[in-house]
């Protein structure tokens, strides 16, 4: 979207560096992103603010790819009864109505009868235990019914025979559930948020606790207070999220990873902030909201003609204009002029080309991609190796990332069973195989990908077994092209190691 791309371009912080790091042993781009990877160790307040803004904007995909995003925005903002309840709850709890309605938007899409398979119910998706804590009534009544069963019993001759018997079965029915009534659930949830804010000392922690639970947040708050580089007066959810690192603050990093695997709770505050912005956009500029929603629809439709829910960011980022659809002849002849060759210098650039052609093609022609894709690959390798150096593992060497696919002609992509293979016709994506990466290095690679992904610079998805499918966002392509140009300028001035080529 224009909004998303503008935010990325405006906030894409570029730093020009003089000279090379690590004694000129490997590529260091002149254009860098502040606060990424190893740079998390020294985030300033201004850098945190920029990262928060990008992180919030990146939540657009998570929200707007859902088919209910548009009708739910209309329901939340346009239902007069709901709006009256939100306003009354806000007045009594002193929690802004915009926060309460954003949570209702995310939790249930504004549906008072919503039920989660895991237990939460109602417009605010409240669990049974939390409902009781809020003072809501959830009442079940015990009842009995008679059932007929066929059972095997001994007769007078002590032989087993089948008979039909009656048996009373106890069961319970829900006779009252305040969670399903917005006029009760919304004020109760607002008061609960106010209680959480008072308990944890911040509205951001209260919102986090609404999703993750009080015990979870108590632990995360304690870890954040003890984390390296977190000022005592800036113990926030944002600091918690961006201070975590597998190199520094590992205990905090592992705790966040545990919660991410459970339900992505550490990102919940950012999602609520974005939902708040999106509802405001719908309320004030509905046409712009609808235009934004259209950008997050896939170009693939189901049998009913309705666009399918986008499985990952790359499916909405790669549009029709990106599709080069190169044939084998076009690759060989050089007609695919938007492509450039990847650098084949593993020791210097940190990645190795391990491409096995599907058909009878010269490897040289399959070692191409767009400048943005090569720049993205090069930058990922750089940030991963920076973290590796920060670990200072004595006697161990960095293992170049294995690139198994760049551009691929239409005939080859049609033969493979990989779900994202067709995207390789664009030249905008690439695959990394991590099967042979040391576990520590794989962890660092995933950390870098997550770090860049949460800021909206790239998207990635598992592609089969031990393979990652990666591409940068449209708004970040200009930056990664600059990284490619940095690499192009530097590679010619560096000596070539044995076994490497230009």
Protein backbone atom coordinates (compact mmCIF):
# COMPACT_ATOMS: atom_id res chain seq x y z
CA UNK A 1 0.00 0.00 0.00
CA UNK A 2 1.04 3.60 -0.36
CA UNK A 3 0.81 3.98 3.41
CA UNK A 4 2.93 0.93 4.09
CA UNK A 5 5.51 1.74 1.42
CA UNK A 6 5.80 5.37 2.51
CA UNK A 7 6.36 4.33 6.12
CA UNK A 8 9.10 1.95 5.06
CA UNK A 9 10.82 4.47 2.83
CA UNK A 10 10.62 7.30 5.37
CA UNK A 11 11.75 5.18 8.29
CA UNK A 12 14.32 3.11 6.46
CA UNK A 13 17.36 4.43 8.26
CA UNK A 14 20.53 4.35 6.23
CA UNK A 15 23.97 4.69 7.76
CA UNK A 16 27.08 5.30 5.68
CA UNK A 17 30.11 3.56 7.12
CA UNK A 18 33.74 4.27 6.37
CA UNK A 19 36.03 1.30 5.90
CA UNK A 20 35.41 -2.36 6.51
CA UNK A 21 34.80 -4.26 9.73
CA UNK A 22 36.36 -7.54 10.83
CA UNK A 23 39.69 -6.49 9.37
CA UNK A 24 38.18 -6.37 5.84
CA UNK A 25 37.60 -10.13 6.01
CA UNK A 26 34.05 -10.01 4.73
CA UNK A 27 31.52 -7.73 3.09
CA UNK A 28 30.10 -4.90 5.16
CA UNK A 29 27.46 -2.78 3.38
CA UNK A 30 27.69 0.99 3.36
CA UNK A 31 23.92 1.09 3.77
CA UNK A 32 22.68 -0.39 7.03
CA UNK A 33 19.48 -0.65 9.06
CA UNK A 34 19.75 0.69 12.59
CA UNK A 35 18.89 -1.54 15.52
CA UNK A 36 18.83 -4.84 13.62
CA UNK A 37 20.53 -8.03 14.80
CA UNK A 38 23.68 -7.33 16.78
CA UNK A 39 22.72 -3.63 16.97
CA UNK A 40 19.86 -4.47 19.34
CA UNK A 41 22.43 -4.24 22.12
CA UNK A 42 22.53 -0.44 22.04
CA UNK A 43 19.09 0.81 21.02
CA UNK A 44 18.44 4.47 21.74
CA UNK A 45 15.03 5.81 22.69
CA UNK A 46 14.64 7.27 19.20
CA UNK A 47 15.54 3.95 17.57
CA UNK A 48 13.01 2.15 19.76
CA UNK A 49 10.34 4.62 18.64
CA UNK A 50 11.18 4.02 14.97
CA UNK A 51 11.21 0.26 15.45
CA UNK A 52 7.84 0.39 17.23
CA UNK A 53 6.33 2.33 14.35
CA UNK A 54 7.60 -0.17 11.77
CA UNK A 55 6.54 -3.13 13.89
CA UNK A 56 3.04 -1.70 14.30
CA UNK A 57 2.77 -1.06 10.55
CA UNK A 58 3.91 -4.62 9.79
CA UNK A 59 0.87 -5.96 11.66
CA UNK A 60 -1.32 -4.74 8.81
CA UNK A 61 -0.85 -8.03 6.98
CA UNK A 62 -1.87 -10.13 9.99
CA UNK A 63 -5.11 -8.16 10.30
CA UNK A 64 -6.09 -7.20 6.78
CA UNK A 65 -5.55 -10.60 5.15
CA UNK A 66 -8.56 -11.89 7.10
CA UNK A 67 -11.87 -11.95 5.16
CA UNK A 68 -13.71 -10.52 8.20
CA UNK A 69 -11.45 -7.46 8.55
CA UNK A 70 -13.73 -5.19 6.51
CA UNK A 71 -17.19 -6.24 7.79
CA UNK A 72 -15.84 -6.27 11.35
CA UNK A 73 -14.58 -2.69 11.05
CA UNK A 74 -18.03 -1.67 9.88
CA UNK A 75 -19.67 -3.54 12.77
CA UNK A 76 -17.35 -2.18 15.47
CA UNK A 77 -17.50 1.46 14.37
CA UNK A 78 -21.03 1.58 12.97
CA UNK A 79 -23.13 -0.28 15.53
CA UNK A 80 -24.62 2.44 17.74
CA UNK A 81 -25.37 0.10 20.63
CA UNK A 82 -21.82 -1.24 20.63
CA UNK A 83 -20.38 2.26 20.43
CA UNK A 84 -22.47 3.36 23.40
CA UNK A 85 -21.18 0.38 25.40
CA UNK A 86 -17.56 1.13 24.44
CA UNK A 87 -17.93 4.76 25.48
CA UNK A 88 -19.60 3.92 28.80
CA UNK A 89 -16.97 1.28 29.59
CA UNK A 90 -14.21 3.77 28.79
CA UNK A 91 -15.73 6.44 31.03
CA UNK A 92 -16.00 4.07 33.98
CA UNK A 93 -12.61 2.36 33.58
CA UNK A 94 -10.57 5.25 32.18
CA UNK A 95 -9.28 2.92 29.49
CA UNK A 96 -9.66 4.64 26.08
CA UNK A 97 -12.60 3.41 24.04
CA UNK A 98 -10.26 3.07 21.05
CA UNK A 99 -8.23 0.47 22.96
CA UNK A 100 -11.29 -1.49 24.06
CA UNK A 101 -12.79 -1.60 20.58
CA UNK A 102 -9.42 -2.53 19.03
CA UNK A 103 -9.24 -5.55 21.34
CA UNK A 104 -12.82 -6.52 20.44
CA UNK A 105 -11.91 -6.17 16.76
CA UNK A 106 -8.92 -8.50 17.05
CA UNK A 107 -10.43 -10.98 19.47
CA UNK A 108 -13.79 -11.67 17.83
CA UNK A 109 -14.19 -9.35 14.83
CA UNK A 110 -16.95 -7.75 16.90
CA UNK A 111 -19.03 -10.93 17.09
CA UNK A 112 -20.84 -11.24 20.47
CA UNK A 113 -21.41 -14.98 19.94
CA UNK A 114 -17.82 -15.84 18.98
CA UNK A 115 -16.49 -19.07 20.48
CA UNK A 116 -12.90 -20.26 20.41
CA UNK A 117 -12.18 -24.01 20.33
CA UNK A 118 -9.79 -23.41 23.24
CA UNK A 119 -12.52 -21.98 25.49
CA UNK A 120 -12.75 -18.15 25.35
CA UNK A 121 -16.15 -16.78 24.35
CA UNK A 122 -17.92 -13.59 23.42
CA UNK A 123 -16.96 -10.29 21.85
CA UNK A 124 -13.98 -9.88 24.20
CA UNK A 125 -12.99 -13.60 24.08
CA UNK A 126 -12.91 -14.12 27.84
CA UNK A 127 -11.93 -17.45 29.40
CA UNK A 128 -14.10 -19.05 32.07
CA UNK A 129 -11.55 -18.43 34.82
CA UNK A 130 -11.01 -14.79 33.84
CA UNK A 131 -14.76 -14.24 33.60
CA UNK A 132 -15.14 -15.26 37.24
CA UNK A 133 -12.28 -12.94 38.19
CA UNK A 134 -14.02 -10.11 36.33
CA UNK A 135 -17.24 -10.76 38.23
CA UNK A 136 -19.14 -12.16 35.26
CA UNK A 137 -21.58 -15.01 35.79
CA UNK A 138 -21.00 -18.28 33.96
CA UNK A 139 -23.57 -20.71 35.35
CA UNK A 140 -24.00 -24.36 34.48
CA UNK A 141 -26.90 -26.51 35.65
CA UNK A 142 -26.69 -30.26 36.26
CA UNK A 143 -29.30 -32.35 34.52
CA UNK A 144 -29.95 -36.03 33.89
CA UNK A 145 -31.19 -37.99 30.95
CA UNK A 146 -32.03 -41.64 30.46
CA UNK A 147 -30.22 -43.57 27.79
CA UNK A 148 -30.76 -47.10 26.47
CA UNK A 149 -27.68 -49.27 26.19
CA UNK A 150 -27.01 -52.76 24.88
CA UNK A 151 -24.83 -54.61 27.37
CA UNK A 152 -23.56 -58.16 27.86
CA UNK A 153 -24.74 -59.72 31.14
CA UNK A 154 -24.80 -63.31 32.51
CA UNK A 155 -28.15 -65.12 32.56
CA UNK A 156 -29.29 -67.79 35.05
CA UNK A 157 -27.15 -70.35 33.31
CA UNK A 158 -24.20 -67.95 33.66
CA UNK A 159 -23.97 -67.49 29.94
CA UNK A 160 -23.39 -64.00 28.52
CA UNK A 161 -26.39 -62.58 26.73
CA UNK A 162 -27.13 -59.14 25.28
CA UNK A 163 -29.85 -57.08 26.94
CA UNK A 164 -31.13 -53.52 26.70
CA UNK A 165 -30.87 -51.56 29.94
CA UNK A 166 -31.74 -48.05 31.02
CA UNK A 167 -29.11 -45.80 32.56
CA UNK A 168 -29.25 -42.27 33.95
CA UNK A 169 -26.48 -40.03 32.60
CA UNK A 170 -25.44 -36.83 34.29
CA UNK A 171 -24.63 -33.79 32.15
CA UNK A 172 -24.54 -30.02 32.51
CA UNK A 173 -25.95 -27.19 30.44
CA UNK A 174 -24.93 -23.56 30.31
CA UNK A 175 -27.89 -21.56 31.58
CA UNK A 176 -26.17 -18.19 31.86
CA UNK A 177 -23.02 -16.81 30.26
CA UNK A 178 -22.40 -13.09 30.67
CA UNK A 179 -19.49 -13.32 28.24
CA UNK A 180 -22.00 -13.51 25.38
CA UNK A 181 -23.65 -10.20 26.27
CA UNK A 182 -21.60 -7.15 25.15
CA UNK A 183 -23.30 -4.88 27.69
CA UNK A 184 -21.76 -7.05 30.43
CA UNK A 185 -18.58 -8.37 28.82
CA UNK A 186 -17.20 -5.09 27.47
CA UNK A 187 -17.37 -3.10 30.74
CA UNK A 188 -15.98 -6.09 32.65
CA UNK A 189 -13.06 -6.38 30.21
CA UNK A 190 -12.39 -2.64 30.44
CA UNK A 191 -12.33 -2.76 34.25
CA UNK A 192 -10.03 -5.77 34.06
CA UNK A 193 -7.66 -3.84 31.79
CA UNK A 194 -7.66 -0.97 34.30
CA UNK A 195 -6.81 -3.45 37.06
CA UNK A 196 -3.96 -4.90 34.98
CA UNK A 197 -2.63 -1.43 34.22
CA UNK A 198 -2.50 -0.60 37.91
CA UNK A 199 -0.91 -3.94 38.76
CA UNK A 200 1.83 -3.87 36.12
CA UNK A 201 2.40 -0.12 35.94
CA UNK A 202 1.66 0.47 32.27
CA UNK A 203 -1.14 0.19 29.74
CA UNK A 204 1.14 -1.66 27.33
CA UNK A 205 1.76 -4.36 29.94
CA UNK A 206 -1.98 -4.48 30.69
CA UNK A 207 -2.78 -5.14 27.03
CA UNK A 208 -0.04 -7.77 26.88
CA UNK A 209 -1.46 -9.44 30.02
CA UNK A 210 -4.99 -9.48 28.56
CA UNK A 211 -3.72 -11.95 25.96
CA UNK A 212 -0.81 -13.70 27.67
CA UNK A 213 -2.08 -13.86 31.26
CA UNK A 214 -0.94 -12.27 34.50
CA UNK A 215 1.59 -14.99 35.33
CA UNK A 216 3.20 -14.72 31.92
CA UNK A 217 3.54 -10.94 32.16
CA UNK A 218 4.89 -11.05 35.71
CA UNK A 219 7.72 -13.24 34.43
CA UNK A 220 8.36 -11.14 31.31
CA UNK A 221 8.32 -7.90 33.30
CA UNK A 222 10.89 -9.24 35.74
CA UNK A 223 13.15 -10.43 32.91
CA UNK A 224 12.89 -7.04 31.19
CA UNK A 225 13.83 -5.16 34.35
CA UNK A 226 16.95 -7.31 34.66
CA UNK A 227 17.86 -7.20 30.97
CA UNK A 228 21.04 -5.60 29.73
CA UNK A 229 20.58 -2.22 28.06
CA UNK A 230 17.06 -1.48 29.35
CA UNK A 231 16.92 1.87 31.23
CA UNK A 232 15.09 1.65 34.55
CA UNK A 233 12.62 4.33 33.45
CA UNK A 234 11.88 2.61 30.10
CA UNK A 235 10.66 -0.84 31.11
CA UNK A 236 8.09 -1.20 28.35
CA UNK A 237 6.70 -3.99 26.18
CA UNK A 238 8.61 -2.49 23.25
CA UNK A 239 11.89 -2.59 25.20
CA UNK A 240 11.11 -6.17 26.21
CA UNK A 241 10.57 -7.22 22.60
CA UNK A 242 13.50 -5.39 21.02
CA UNK A 243 16.04 -6.04 23.80
CA UNK A 244 15.77 -9.82 23.48
CA UNK A 245 18.68 -11.47 21.70
CA UNK A 246 20.23 -14.94 21.48
CA UNK A 247 23.60 -13.25 22.09
CA UNK A 248 22.66 -10.79 24.84
CA UNK A 249 19.70 -11.19 27.20
CA UNK A 250 19.31 -14.82 26.22
CA UNK A 251 16.97 -15.62 29.12
CA UNK A 252 14.57 -12.93 27.91
CA UNK A 253 14.97 -14.13 24.32
CA UNK A 254 14.09 -17.73 25.23
CA UNK A 255 11.07 -16.62 27.27
CA UNK A 256 9.77 -14.60 24.32
CA UNK A 257 10.36 -17.51 21.95
CA UNK A 258 8.33 -19.78 24.24
CA UNK A 259 5.39 -17.38 24.20
CA UNK A 260 5.68 -16.84 20.45
CA UNK A 261 5.39 -20.57 19.86
CA UNK A 262 2.34 -20.66 22.13
CA UNK A 263 0.22 -17.83 20.74
CA UNK A 264 2.35 -14.88 19.55
CA UNK A 265 1.44 -12.97 22.72
CA UNK A 266 4.62 -10.83 22.69
CA UNK A 267 3.33 -9.16 19.50
CA UNK A 268 -0.19 -8.56 20.85
CA UNK A 269 0.37 -4.98 22.02
CA UNK A 270 1.70 -4.06 18.55
CA UNK A 271 -1.36 -5.69 16.94
CA UNK A 272 -3.74 -3.77 19.17
CA UNK A 273 -1.98 -0.51 18.30
CA UNK A 274 -2.37 -1.27 14.59
CA UNK A 275 -6.00 -2.34 14.99
CA UNK A 276 -6.63 0.97 16.74
CA UNK A 277 -5.14 2.85 13.78
CA UNK A 278 -7.08 0.80 11.24
CA UNK A 279 -10.42 1.38 12.96
CA UNK A 280 -9.66 5.10 13.04
CA UNK A 281 -8.86 4.94 9.33
CA UNK A 282 -12.15 3.18 8.59
CA UNK A 283 -14.09 5.68 10.70
CA UNK A 284 -12.54 8.75 9.06
CA UNK A 285 -11.54 7.52 5.60
CA UNK A 286 -13.50 4.36 4.71
CA UNK A 287 -12.45 4.45 1.05
CA UNK A 288 -8.77 4.41 2.02
CA UNK A 289 -9.43 1.52 4.40
CA UNK A 290 -11.11 -0.48 1.63
CA UNK A 291 -8.27 0.30 -0.76
CA UNK A 292 -5.76 -0.93 1.82
CA UNK A 293 -7.77 -4.11 2.39
CA UNK A 294 -7.76 -4.79 -1.35
CA UNK A 295 -3.96 -4.79 -1.35
CA UNK A 296 -3.93 -7.71 1.07
CA UNK A 297 -6.16 -9.94 -1.02
CA UNK A 298 -4.39 -12.61 -2.99
CA UNK A 299 -4.77 -12.87 -6.75
CA UNK A 300 -5.71 -16.53 -6.27
CA UNK A 301 -9.41 -17.30 -5.86
CA UNK A 302 -11.26 -20.32 -4.56
CA UNK A 303 -13.97 -22.31 -6.32
CA UNK A 304 -16.52 -19.67 -5.27
CA UNK A 305 -14.52 -16.89 -6.90
CA UNK A 306 -13.63 -15.28 -3.57
CA UNK A 307 -9.91 -14.48 -3.03
CA UNK A 308 -8.23 -16.98 -0.74
CA UNK A 309 -6.74 -15.91 2.59
CA UNK A 310 -3.09 -15.06 2.04
CA UNK A 311 -0.94 -17.75 3.73
CA UNK A 312 2.09 -15.47 4.07
CA UNK A 313 3.29 -11.98 3.14
CA UNK A 314 5.00 -12.93 -0.11
CA UNK A 315 1.71 -14.01 -1.64
CA UNK A 316 0.40 -10.43 -1.47
CA UNK A 317 3.70 -8.68 -2.10
CA UNK A 318 4.37 -10.40 -5.43
CA UNK A 319 1.94 -8.78 -7.84
CA UNK A 320 1.31 -9.28 -11.55
CA UNK A 321 3.94 -6.68 -12.50
CA UNK A 322 6.61 -8.75 -10.72
CA UNK A 323 6.02 -11.81 -12.86
CA UNK A 324 8.81 -12.04 -15.41
CA UNK A 325 7.78 -15.55 -16.46
CA UNK A 326 11.22 -16.16 -18.02
CA UNK A 327 11.62 -19.13 -20.28
CA UNK A 328 14.85 -21.10 -20.49
CA UNK A 329 15.69 -19.36 -23.77
CA UNK A 330 15.17 -15.93 -22.21
CA UNK A 331 17.53 -16.75 -19.36
CA UNK A 332 20.23 -18.01 -21.71
CA UNK A 333 19.88 -15.14 -24.19
CA UNK A 334 19.90 -12.48 -21.49
CA UNK A 335 16.44 -11.24 -22.41
CA UNK A 336 15.47 -11.24 -18.73
CA UNK A 337 17.25 -7.90 -18.32
CA UNK A 338 15.94 -7.20 -14.82
CA UNK A 339 18.13 -9.96 -13.40
CA UNK A 340 21.71 -9.84 -12.12
CA UNK A 341 24.13 -12.60 -11.19
CA UNK A 342 24.63 -13.59 -7.58
CA UNK A 343 28.12 -13.22 -6.16
CA UNK A 344 29.89 -16.57 -5.94
CA UNK A 345 32.30 -15.74 -3.13
CA UNK A 346 31.20 -17.66 -0.01
CA UNK A 347 34.03 -16.56 2.27
CA UNK A 348 33.50 -12.88 1.49
CA UNK A 349 29.72 -12.57 1.12
CA UNK A 350 28.68 -15.30 3.55
CA UNK A 351 26.55 -17.43 1.22
CA UNK A 352 27.29 -20.26 -1.19
CA UNK A 353 25.42 -21.15 -4.38
CA UNK A 354 24.24 -24.77 -4.13
CA UNK A 355 21.77 -24.75 -7.00
CA UNK A 356 20.90 -28.06 -8.66
CA UNK A 357 19.10 -27.43 -11.97
CA UNK A 358 15.81 -29.25 -12.55
CA UNK A 359 16.39 -29.38 -16.28
CA UNK A 360 19.32 -29.13 -18.69
CA UNK A 361 20.29 -25.56 -17.88
CA UNK A 362 23.63 -23.95 -17.36
CA UNK A 363 24.06 -23.13 -13.67
CA UNK A 364 25.26 -19.67 -14.65
CA UNK A 365 21.79 -18.68 -15.85
CA UNK A 366 20.05 -19.99 -12.76
CA UNK A 367 22.42 -18.04 -10.49
CA UNK A 368 20.48 -14.83 -11.16
CA UNK A 369 17.80 -12.82 -9.40
CA UNK A 370 16.66 -9.23 -9.14
CA UNK A 371 19.15 -6.75 -7.61
CA UNK A 372 16.80 -6.40 -4.62
CA UNK A 373 16.75 -10.18 -4.06
CA UNK A 374 20.56 -10.43 -4.23
CA UNK A 375 20.83 -7.44 -1.91
CA UNK A 376 18.41 -9.06 0.55
CA UNK A 377 20.36 -12.32 0.50
CA UNK A 378 23.66 -10.48 0.99
CA UNK A 379 22.29 -8.41 3.86
CA UNK A 380 20.88 -11.46 5.66
CA UNK A 381 24.26 -13.17 5.43
CA UNK A 382 25.99 -10.03 6.72
CA UNK A 383 23.71 -9.64 9.77
CA UNK A 384 23.88 -13.36 10.57
CA UNK A 385 27.67 -13.31 10.47
CA UNK A 386 27.75 -10.17 12.64
CA UNK A 387 25.85 -12.03 15.35
CA UNK A 388 28.13 -15.03 14.91
CA UNK A 389 31.15 -12.79 15.50
CA UNK A 390 29.48 -11.32 18.59
CA UNK A 391 29.23 -14.81 20.10
CA UNK A 392 33.03 -15.10 19.79
CA UNK A 393 33.00 -18.89 19.49
CA UNK A 394 36.62 -19.96 19.67
CA UNK A 395 37.74 -22.55 17.14
CA UNK A 396 34.51 -22.47 15.09
CA UNK A 397 34.05 -20.90 11.68
CA UNK A 398 31.01 -19.29 10.11
CA UNK A 399 29.24 -21.65 7.71
CA UNK A 400 28.15 -19.82 4.52
CA UNK A 401 24.38 -19.90 3.99
CA UNK A 402 23.42 -22.38 1.27
CA UNK A 403 21.36 -20.89 -1.55
CA UNK A 404 19.44 -23.63 -3.34
CA UNK A 405 17.21 -21.59 -5.66
CA UNK A 406 17.16 -18.12 -7.22
CA UNK A 407 15.34 -17.45 -10.49
CA UNK A 408 13.82 -20.45 -12.26
CA UNK A 409 12.17 -20.73 -15.70
CA UNK A 410 8.49 -21.49 -15.97
CA UNK A 411 9.06 -25.05 -17.17
CA UNK A 412 11.13 -25.91 -14.10
CA UNK A 413 8.77 -24.38 -11.55
CA UNK A 414 5.85 -26.30 -13.05
CA UNK A 415 7.63 -29.61 -12.41
CA UNK A 416 8.26 -29.20 -8.69
CA UNK A 417 5.76 -29.96 -5.95
CA UNK A 418 6.94 -27.08 -3.75
CA UNK A 419 4.03 -24.74 -2.99
CA UNK A 420 5.99 -21.52 -3.57
CA UNK A 421 8.00 -22.65 -6.60
CA UNK A 422 6.11 -20.44 -9.06
CA UNK A 423 7.33 -17.32 -7.25
CA UNK A 424 10.86 -18.04 -8.48
CA UNK A 425 9.77 -16.97 -11.97
CA UNK A 426 9.76 -13.38 -10.67
CA UNK A 427 13.42 -13.30 -9.69
CA UNK A 428 12.32 -11.58 -6.47
CA UNK A 429 12.74 -14.57 -4.13
CA UNK A 430 15.33 -17.16 -3.14
CA UNK A 431 15.58 -20.32 -1.04
CA UNK A 432 18.05 -21.18 1.71
CA UNK A 433 18.73 -24.75 2.85
CA UNK A 434 19.62 -24.92 6.54
CA UNK A 435 20.01 -28.70 6.91
CA UNK A 436 23.78 -28.46 7.30
CA UNK A 437 23.91 -25.28 9.36
CA UNK A 438 25.23 -25.67 12.92
CA UNK A 439 22.30 -25.28 15.38
CA UNK A 440 23.76 -22.07 16.80
CA UNK A 441 24.09 -20.48 13.38
CA UNK A 442 20.59 -21.58 12.38
CA UNK A 443 19.23 -19.89 15.51
CA UNK A 444 21.05 -16.68 14.56
CA UNK A 445 19.72 -16.86 10.99
CA UNK A 446 16.13 -17.23 12.20
CA UNK A 447 16.64 -14.35 14.62
CA UNK A 448 17.83 -12.09 11.79
CA UNK A 449 14.94 -13.13 9.54
CA UNK A 450 12.44 -12.51 12.33
CA UNK A 451 14.03 -9.16 13.12
CA UNK A 452 13.83 -8.00 9.50
CA UNK A 453 10.41 -9.58 9.05
CA UNK A 454 8.74 -7.92 12.03
CA UNK A 455 9.89 -4.55 10.68
CA UNK A 456 8.31 -5.22 7.30
CA UNK A 457 11.54 -5.52 5.31
CA UNK A 458 11.04 -9.12 4.21
CA UNK A 459 8.85 -12.19 4.42
CA UNK A 460 9.83 -15.83 4.70
CA UNK A 461 8.15 -19.19 5.03
CA UNK A 462 9.20 -22.81 5.48
CA UNK A 463 9.38 -24.52 2.09
CA UNK A 464 9.39 -28.25 2.54
CA UNK A 465 11.98 -29.82 4.81
CA UNK A 466 14.80 -27.62 6.14
CA UNK A 467 14.36 -24.96 3.47
CA UNK A 468 13.36 -21.29 3.78
CA UNK A 469 11.63 -19.32 1.01
CA UNK A 470 12.50 -15.60 1.31
CA UNK A 471 11.75 -12.30 -0.43
CA UNK A 472 11.87 -8.61 0.48
CA UNK A 473 8.85 -6.31 0.63
CA UNK A 474 8.12 -3.90 -2.24
CA UNK A 475 8.75 -0.95 0.09
CA UNK A 476 12.22 -2.23 0.98
CA UNK A 477 13.42 -3.05 -2.54
CA UNK A 478 15.14 0.30 -3.05
CA UNK A 479 17.17 -0.20 0.12
CA UNK A 480 18.24 -3.72 -0.78
CA UNK A 481 19.18 -2.57 -4.30
CA UNK A 482 21.58 -0.15 -2.60
CA UNK A 483 23.03 -3.06 -0.62
CA UNK A 484 23.54 -4.94 -3.90
CA UNK A 485 25.28 -1.89 -5.36
CA UNK A 486 27.52 -1.73 -2.28
CA UNK A 487 28.43 -5.37 -2.82
CA UNK A 488 29.07 -4.82 -6.51
CA UNK A 489 31.41 -1.93 -5.74
CA UNK A 490 33.29 -3.76 -3.01
CA UNK A 491 33.70 -7.19 -4.57
CA UNK A 492 35.93 -5.87 -7.36
CA UNK A 493 38.32 -4.27 -4.87
CA UNK A 494 38.77 -7.40 -2.73
CA UNK A 495 41.19 -10.25 -3.46
CA UNK A 496 39.57 -13.49 -4.58
CA UNK A 497 40.16 -16.50 -2.33
CA UNK A 498 41.00 -19.90 -3.73
CA UNK A 499 37.93 -21.64 -5.13
CA UNK A 500 35.93 -18.42 -5.38
CA UNK A 501 34.86 -16.65 -8.51
CA UNK A 502 33.44 -13.26 -9.31
